[in-house]
């Protein structure tokens, strides 16, 4: 989590404004998939509310990034 906070801390007001104007908001339902293993993702997702993910590779990557237990 510290790495995420560090990266977000590097953004200035102009960066945030650009993202809010250039991006789009998605309202996801239970079971919606935004990233599939093995499929290139050309988008950046910033999760603003609860997130629940499955998949062993993702869980492993998340543990590595956060340096904490994911799940």
Protein backbone atom coordinates (compact mmCIF):
# COMPACT_ATOMS: atom_id res chain seq x y z
CA UNK A 1 0.00 0.00 0.00
CA UNK A 2 2.89 2.38 0.69
CA UNK A 3 4.00 2.18 -2.94
CA UNK A 4 0.52 3.12 -4.14
CA UNK A 5 0.36 6.05 -1.74
CA UNK A 6 3.81 7.17 -2.87
CA UNK A 7 2.85 7.09 -6.55
CA UNK A 8 -0.45 8.88 -5.94
CA UNK A 9 1.43 11.47 -3.90
CA UNK A 10 3.52 12.36 -6.94
CA UNK A 11 0.47 13.52 -8.86
CA UNK A 12 -0.31 17.21 -8.85
CA UNK A 13 -3.70 18.91 -9.15
CA UNK A 14 -3.34 19.13 -12.92
CA UNK A 15 -2.74 15.38 -13.17
CA UNK A 16 -5.86 14.63 -11.13
CA UNK A 17 -7.92 17.10 -13.17
CA UNK A 18 -6.70 15.53 -16.43
CA UNK A 19 -7.59 12.03 -15.19
CA UNK A 20 -11.06 13.14 -14.12
CA UNK A 21 -11.72 14.81 -17.48
CA UNK A 22 -10.09 12.15 -19.67
CA UNK A 23 -11.27 9.08 -17.82
CA UNK A 24 -14.64 7.57 -17.30
CA UNK A 25 -16.36 6.20 -14.25
CA UNK A 26 -17.46 2.57 -14.24
CA UNK A 27 -20.11 1.25 -11.88
CA UNK A 28 -19.38 -2.44 -11.57
CA UNK A 29 -21.72 -5.15 -10.40
CA UNK A 30 -20.82 -8.34 -8.54
CA UNK A 31 -19.12 -10.68 -10.98
CA UNK A 32 -18.00 -7.98 -13.44
CA UNK A 33 -14.44 -8.58 -14.69
CA UNK A 34 -12.16 -5.69 -15.61
CA UNK A 35 -8.86 -7.56 -15.91
CA UNK A 36 -8.40 -11.09 -17.24
CA UNK A 37 -5.26 -13.12 -16.68
CA UNK A 38 -3.14 -13.32 -19.82
CA UNK A 39 -4.98 -10.50 -21.63
CA UNK A 40 -3.27 -7.17 -22.23
CA UNK A 41 -4.99 -4.27 -20.48
CA UNK A 42 -4.59 -0.89 -22.23
CA UNK A 43 -6.36 0.98 -19.42
CA UNK A 44 -5.48 2.23 -15.96
CA UNK A 45 -8.04 1.43 -13.28
CA UNK A 46 -8.23 3.47 -10.11
CA UNK A 47 -10.53 1.77 -7.64
CA UNK A 48 -12.48 4.25 -5.53
CA UNK A 49 -14.48 1.80 -3.45
CA UNK A 50 -14.50 -1.83 -2.33
CA UNK A 51 -12.58 -4.35 -4.39
CA UNK A 52 -12.71 -8.11 -4.25
CA UNK A 53 -10.51 -10.11 -6.57
CA UNK A 54 -9.80 -13.79 -7.10
CA UNK A 55 -7.08 -15.61 -8.96
CA UNK A 56 -3.90 -17.01 -7.51
CA UNK A 57 -1.53 -15.04 -9.73
CA UNK A 58 -3.27 -11.78 -8.89
CA UNK A 59 -3.24 -12.58 -5.19
CA UNK A 60 0.49 -13.39 -5.38
CA UNK A 61 1.21 -10.13 -7.23
CA UNK A 62 -0.90 -8.16 -4.77
CA UNK A 63 0.93 -9.66 -1.80
CA UNK A 64 4.24 -8.77 -3.42
CA UNK A 65 3.17 -5.17 -4.16
CA UNK A 66 1.63 -4.51 -0.79
CA UNK A 67 4.13 -6.44 1.27
CA UNK A 68 1.21 -7.76 3.28
CA UNK A 69 -1.23 -10.61 3.27
CA UNK A 70 -3.89 -10.21 0.55
CA UNK A 71 -7.19 -12.00 0.63
